[in-house]
Amino acid sequence: MLVLSRKQFEGIQIGPDIRIKIVKVDRNQVRIGIEAPHDVMIIRDELVNDPEAHEARTAWEQSEPNG
């Protein structure tokens, strides 16, 4: 795992197509913005094994042209 420190409005580039930006830092909460191609699914960790979220992911994958 790579761990980086970033300040508000700073960002991280992942490959040529994905950019993460720190939008707001407030006490113990950080808001991030993610710019990625539409074919990249972005999901919160706590939803990865959630049965309801699984149904939504399946529907999303089937709606994608390459899915």
C-alpha atoms as a PDB file:
ATOM      1  CA  MET A   1       0.000   0.000   0.000  1.00  0.00           C
ATOM      2  CA  LEU A   2       1.227   3.449  -0.891  1.00  0.00           C
ATOM      3  CA  VAL A   3       0.427   6.114   1.717  1.00  0.00           C
ATOM      4  CA  LEU A   4       0.627   9.779   0.711  1.00  0.00           C
ATOM      5  CA  SER A   5      -0.041  13.027   2.520  1.00  0.00           C
ATOM      6  CA  ARG A   6      -2.024  15.635   0.609  1.00  0.00           C
ATOM      7  CA  LYS A   7      -3.421  19.024   1.570  1.00  0.00           C
ATOM      8  CA  GLN A   8      -6.743  20.487   0.505  1.00  0.00           C
ATOM      9  CA  PHE A   9      -6.907  21.048  -3.272  1.00  0.00           C
ATOM     10  CA  GLU A  10      -3.885  18.818  -3.899  1.00  0.00           C
ATOM     11  CA  GLY A  11      -4.297  15.692  -5.972  1.00  0.00           C
ATOM     12  CA  ILE A  12      -2.971  12.340  -7.063  1.00  0.00           C
ATOM     13  CA  GLN A  13      -2.810  11.013 -10.626  1.00  0.00           C
ATOM     14  CA  ILE A  14      -3.352   7.262 -11.166  1.00  0.00           C
ATOM     15  CA  GLY A  15      -2.354   6.264 -14.666  1.00  0.00           C
ATOM     16  CA  PRO A  16      -3.329   8.528 -17.538  1.00  0.00           C
ATOM     17  CA  ASP A  17      -7.077   8.579 -16.837  1.00  0.00           C
ATOM     18  CA  ILE A  18      -7.751   8.740 -13.082  1.00  0.00           C
ATOM     19  CA  ARG A  19      -7.241  11.783 -10.867  1.00  0.00           C
ATOM     20  CA  ILE A  20      -8.061  12.065  -7.162  1.00  0.00           C
ATOM     21  CA  LYS A  21      -8.330  15.500  -5.578  1.00  0.00           C
ATOM     22  CA  ILE A  22      -8.717  16.455  -1.910  1.00  0.00           C
ATOM     23  CA  VAL A  23     -11.759  18.733  -1.994  1.00  0.00           C
ATOM     24  CA  LYS A  24     -12.278  19.502   1.701  1.00  0.00           C
ATOM     25  CA  VAL A  25     -10.692  18.661   5.039  1.00  0.00           C
ATOM     26  CA  ASP A  26     -12.852  19.226   8.124  1.00  0.00           C
ATOM     27  CA  ARG A  27     -11.935  17.798  11.546  1.00  0.00           C
ATOM     28  CA  ASN A  28     -11.982  14.008  11.102  1.00  0.00           C
ATOM     29  CA  GLN A  29     -13.558  13.971   7.639  1.00  0.00           C
ATOM     30  CA  VAL A  30     -11.972  14.278   4.206  1.00  0.00           C
ATOM     31  CA  ARG A  31     -13.965  14.835   1.017  1.00  0.00           C
ATOM     32  CA  ILE A  32     -12.355  13.596  -2.161  1.00  0.00           C
ATOM     33  CA  GLY A  33     -13.212  14.088  -5.795  1.00  0.00           C
ATOM     34  CA  ILE A  34     -12.480  11.396  -8.358  1.00  0.00           C
ATOM     35  CA  GLU A  35     -12.196  12.007 -12.087  1.00  0.00           C
ATOM     36  CA  ALA A  36     -12.245   8.752 -14.055  1.00  0.00           C
ATOM     37  CA  PRO A  37     -13.583   7.401 -17.338  1.00  0.00           C
ATOM     38  CA  HIS A  38     -17.225   6.323 -17.321  1.00  0.00           C
ATOM     39  CA  ASP A  39     -16.240   2.671 -17.723  1.00  0.00           C
ATOM     40  CA  VAL A  40     -14.359   2.672 -14.392  1.00  0.00           C
ATOM     41  CA  MET A  41     -16.640   1.602 -11.539  1.00  0.00           C
ATOM     42  CA  ILE A  42     -15.965   3.435  -8.279  1.00  0.00           C
ATOM     43  CA  ILE A  43     -17.533   1.993  -5.122  1.00  0.00           C
ATOM     44  CA  ARG A  44     -16.994   2.571  -1.410  1.00  0.00           C
ATOM     45  CA  ASP A  45     -15.237  -0.263   0.441  1.00  0.00           C
ATOM     46  CA  GLU A  46     -18.132  -0.925   2.798  1.00  0.00           C
ATOM     47  CA  LEU A  47     -20.418  -1.648  -0.170  1.00  0.00           C
ATOM     48  CA  VAL A  48     -18.197  -4.208  -1.886  1.00  0.00           C
ATOM     49  CA  ASN A  49     -19.800  -7.170  -0.082  1.00  0.00           C
ATOM     50  CA  ASP A  50     -23.254  -5.622   0.438  1.00  0.00           C
ATOM     51  CA  PRO A  51     -25.958  -7.764  -1.295  1.00  0.00           C
ATOM     52  CA  GLU A  52     -28.033  -4.735  -2.364  1.00  0.00           C
ATOM     53  CA  ALA A  53     -24.988  -2.990  -3.747  1.00  0.00           C
ATOM     54  CA  HIS A  54     -24.085  -6.194  -5.596  1.00  0.00           C
ATOM     55  CA  GLU A  55     -27.365  -5.996  -7.507  1.00  0.00           C
ATOM     56  CA  ALA A  56     -26.637  -2.391  -8.484  1.00  0.00           C
ATOM     57  CA  ARG A  57     -23.082  -3.291  -9.578  1.00  0.00           C
ATOM     58  CA  THR A  58     -24.385  -6.177 -11.672  1.00  0.00           C
ATOM     59  CA  ALA A  59     -26.915  -3.901 -13.378  1.00  0.00           C
ATOM     60  CA  TRP A  60     -24.209  -1.287 -13.986  1.00  0.00           C
ATOM     61  CA  GLU A  61     -21.801  -3.873 -15.456  1.00  0.00           C
ATOM     62  CA  GLN A  62     -24.507  -5.181 -17.790  1.00  0.00           C
ATOM     63  CA  SER A  63     -25.343  -1.669 -18.981  1.00  0.00           C
ATOM     64  CA  GLU A  64     -21.734  -0.930 -19.952  1.00  0.00           C
ATOM     65  CA  PRO A  65     -20.882  -1.441 -23.640  1.00  0.00           C
ATOM     66  CA  ASN A  66     -17.872  -3.640 -22.762  1.00  0.00           C
ATOM     67  CA  GLY A  67     -19.546  -5.367 -19.763  1.00  0.00           C
END
